[in-house]
Amino acid sequence: MKRVKASVAFLIPLGFVLLACPAPALAYIDPGTGSLLVQLLIASILGAIFALKRFWTRLFAVFKNKPNAGKDDSKQRHNDSKRQ
């Protein structure tokens, strides 16, 4: 048990030292990678907004005691549009 504690006591500070002194990467990020990252960021934000909107809509429908609480009403909308 003492040996494990001694190893951990040595490895944790060593890990912090290695993270604090990184070597230069000499890497190149081309414009395609940058645009991919921007697209990923935008898609993540819009997806989160959509998911929150759907969640809150269903949550409020449950509290308002609607008969179709939380169900997808796309068929009802489609039928309503045919009647017009």
C-alpha atoms as a PDB file:
ATOM      1  CA  MET A   1       0.000   0.000   0.000  1.00  0.00           C
ATOM      2  CA  LYS A   2       2.885   2.350   0.758  1.00  0.00           C
ATOM      3  CA  ARG A   3       4.302   1.625  -2.669  1.00  0.00           C
ATOM      4  CA  VAL A   4       1.059   2.654  -4.404  1.00  0.00           C
ATOM      5  CA  LYS A   5       0.845   5.881  -2.400  1.00  0.00           C
ATOM      6  CA  ALA A   6       4.463   6.675  -3.202  1.00  0.00           C
ATOM      7  CA  SER A   7       3.830   6.052  -6.916  1.00  0.00           C
ATOM      8  CA  VAL A   8       0.745   8.269  -6.940  1.00  0.00           C
ATOM      9  CA  ALA A   9       2.573  10.953  -4.971  1.00  0.00           C
ATOM     10  CA  PHE A  10       5.268  10.948  -7.666  1.00  0.00           C
ATOM     11  CA  LEU A  11       3.084  10.610 -10.787  1.00  0.00           C
ATOM     12  CA  ILE A  12       0.557  13.362 -10.052  1.00  0.00           C
ATOM     13  CA  PRO A  13       3.127  16.179  -9.713  1.00  0.00           C
ATOM     14  CA  LEU A  14       5.011  14.765 -12.698  1.00  0.00           C
ATOM     15  CA  GLY A  15       1.796  14.930 -14.756  1.00  0.00           C
ATOM     16  CA  PHE A  16       1.248  18.559 -13.770  1.00  0.00           C
ATOM     17  CA  VAL A  17       4.821  19.449 -14.730  1.00  0.00           C
ATOM     18  CA  LEU A  18       4.453  17.760 -18.114  1.00  0.00           C
ATOM     19  CA  LEU A  19       1.172  19.590 -18.767  1.00  0.00           C
ATOM     20  CA  ALA A  20       2.677  22.920 -17.719  1.00  0.00           C
ATOM     21  CA  CYS A  21       5.647  22.611 -20.100  1.00  0.00           C
ATOM     22  CA  PRO A  22       4.312  21.422 -23.457  1.00  0.00           C
ATOM     23  CA  ALA A  23       6.562  20.971 -26.467  1.00  0.00           C
ATOM     24  CA  PRO A  24       5.748  22.925 -29.637  1.00  0.00           C
ATOM     25  CA  ALA A  25       3.311  20.968 -31.819  1.00  0.00           C
ATOM     26  CA  LEU A  26       4.441  22.371 -35.197  1.00  0.00           C
ATOM     27  CA  ALA A  27       0.942  21.621 -36.497  1.00  0.00           C
ATOM     28  CA  TYR A  28      -1.062  23.309 -39.222  1.00  0.00           C
ATOM     29  CA  ILE A  29      -4.820  23.788 -39.203  1.00  0.00           C
ATOM     30  CA  ASP A  30      -6.094  24.392 -42.720  1.00  0.00           C
ATOM     31  CA  PRO A  31      -9.198  26.473 -43.525  1.00  0.00           C
ATOM     32  CA  GLY A  32     -11.297  23.325 -44.041  1.00  0.00           C
ATOM     33  CA  THR A  33     -10.706  22.303 -40.443  1.00  0.00           C
ATOM     34  CA  GLY A  34     -11.601  25.771 -39.210  1.00  0.00           C
ATOM     35  CA  SER A  35     -14.854  25.824 -41.152  1.00  0.00           C
ATOM     36  CA  LEU A  36     -15.682  22.340 -39.868  1.00  0.00           C
ATOM     37  CA  LEU A  37     -15.215  23.545 -36.286  1.00  0.00           C
ATOM     38  CA  VAL A  38     -17.423  26.590 -36.924  1.00  0.00           C
ATOM     39  CA  GLN A  39     -20.103  24.361 -38.475  1.00  0.00           C
ATOM     40  CA  LEU A  40     -19.903  22.009 -35.491  1.00  0.00           C
ATOM     41  CA  LEU A  41     -20.312  24.919 -33.067  1.00  0.00           C
ATOM     42  CA  ILE A  42     -23.320  26.356 -34.919  1.00  0.00           C
ATOM     43  CA  ALA A  43     -25.000  22.949 -35.251  1.00  0.00           C
ATOM     44  CA  SER A  44     -24.469  22.239 -31.564  1.00  0.00           C
ATOM     45  CA  ILE A  45     -26.006  25.539 -30.515  1.00  0.00           C
ATOM     46  CA  LEU A  46     -29.018  25.158 -32.814  1.00  0.00           C
ATOM     47  CA  GLY A  47     -29.522  21.533 -31.768  1.00  0.00           C
ATOM     48  CA  ALA A  48     -29.456  22.497 -28.095  1.00  0.00           C
ATOM     49  CA  ILE A  49     -31.982  25.285 -28.707  1.00  0.00           C
ATOM     50  CA  PHE A  50     -34.305  22.912 -30.570  1.00  0.00           C
ATOM     51  CA  ALA A  51     -34.020  20.230 -27.881  1.00  0.00           C
ATOM     52  CA  LEU A  52     -34.768  22.733 -25.106  1.00  0.00           C
ATOM     53  CA  LYS A  53     -37.735  24.114 -27.029  1.00  0.00           C
ATOM     54  CA  ARG A  54     -39.213  20.625 -27.487  1.00  0.00           C
ATOM     55  CA  PHE A  55     -38.572  19.768 -23.837  1.00  0.00           C
ATOM     56  CA  TRP A  56     -40.220  22.926 -22.502  1.00  0.00           C
ATOM     57  CA  THR A  57     -43.177  22.579 -24.875  1.00  0.00           C
ATOM     58  CA  ARG A  58     -43.876  19.043 -23.668  1.00  0.00           C
ATOM     59  CA  LEU A  59     -43.336  20.002 -20.038  1.00  0.00           C
ATOM     60  CA  PHE A  60     -45.789  22.905 -20.215  1.00  0.00           C
ATOM     61  CA  ALA A  61     -48.319  20.774 -22.103  1.00  0.00           C
ATOM     62  CA  VAL A  62     -48.316  18.283 -19.236  1.00  0.00           C
ATOM     63  CA  PHE A  63     -48.967  21.031 -16.694  1.00  0.00           C
ATOM     64  CA  LYS A  64     -51.756  22.593 -18.775  1.00  0.00           C
ATOM     65  CA  ASN A  65     -53.575  19.218 -18.887  1.00  0.00           C
ATOM     66  CA  LYS A  66     -54.034  19.170 -22.623  1.00  0.00           C
ATOM     67  CA  PRO A  67     -55.525  15.931 -23.991  1.00  0.00           C
ATOM     68  CA  ASN A  68     -52.548  15.371 -26.314  1.00  0.00           C
ATOM     69  CA  ALA A  69     -49.924  16.375 -23.768  1.00  0.00           C
ATOM     70  CA  GLY A  70     -46.436  15.823 -25.055  1.00  0.00           C
ATOM     71  CA  LYS A  71     -47.492  14.100 -28.275  1.00  0.00           C
ATOM     72  CA  ASP A  72     -46.407  15.105 -31.741  1.00  0.00           C
ATOM     73  CA  ASP A  73     -49.300  16.908 -33.399  1.00  0.00           C
ATOM     74  CA  SER A  74     -47.898  17.017 -36.931  1.00  0.00           C
ATOM     75  CA  LYS A  75     -50.737  14.769 -38.210  1.00  0.00           C
ATOM     76  CA  GLN A  76     -53.317  17.123 -36.726  1.00  0.00           C
ATOM     77  CA  ARG A  77     -51.652  20.106 -38.406  1.00  0.00           C
ATOM     78  CA  HIS A  78     -51.584  18.215 -41.693  1.00  0.00           C
ATOM     79  CA  ASN A  79     -55.301  17.412 -41.432  1.00  0.00           C
ATOM     80  CA  ASP A  80     -56.098  21.023 -40.548  1.00  0.00           C
ATOM     81  CA  SER A  81     -54.251  22.282 -43.605  1.00  0.00           C
ATOM     82  CA  LYS A  82     -56.250  19.917 -45.880  1.00  0.00           C
ATOM     83  CA  ARG A  83     -59.547  21.312 -44.600  1.00  0.00           C
ATOM     84  CA  GLN A  84     -58.702  24.859 -45.655  1.00  0.00           C
END
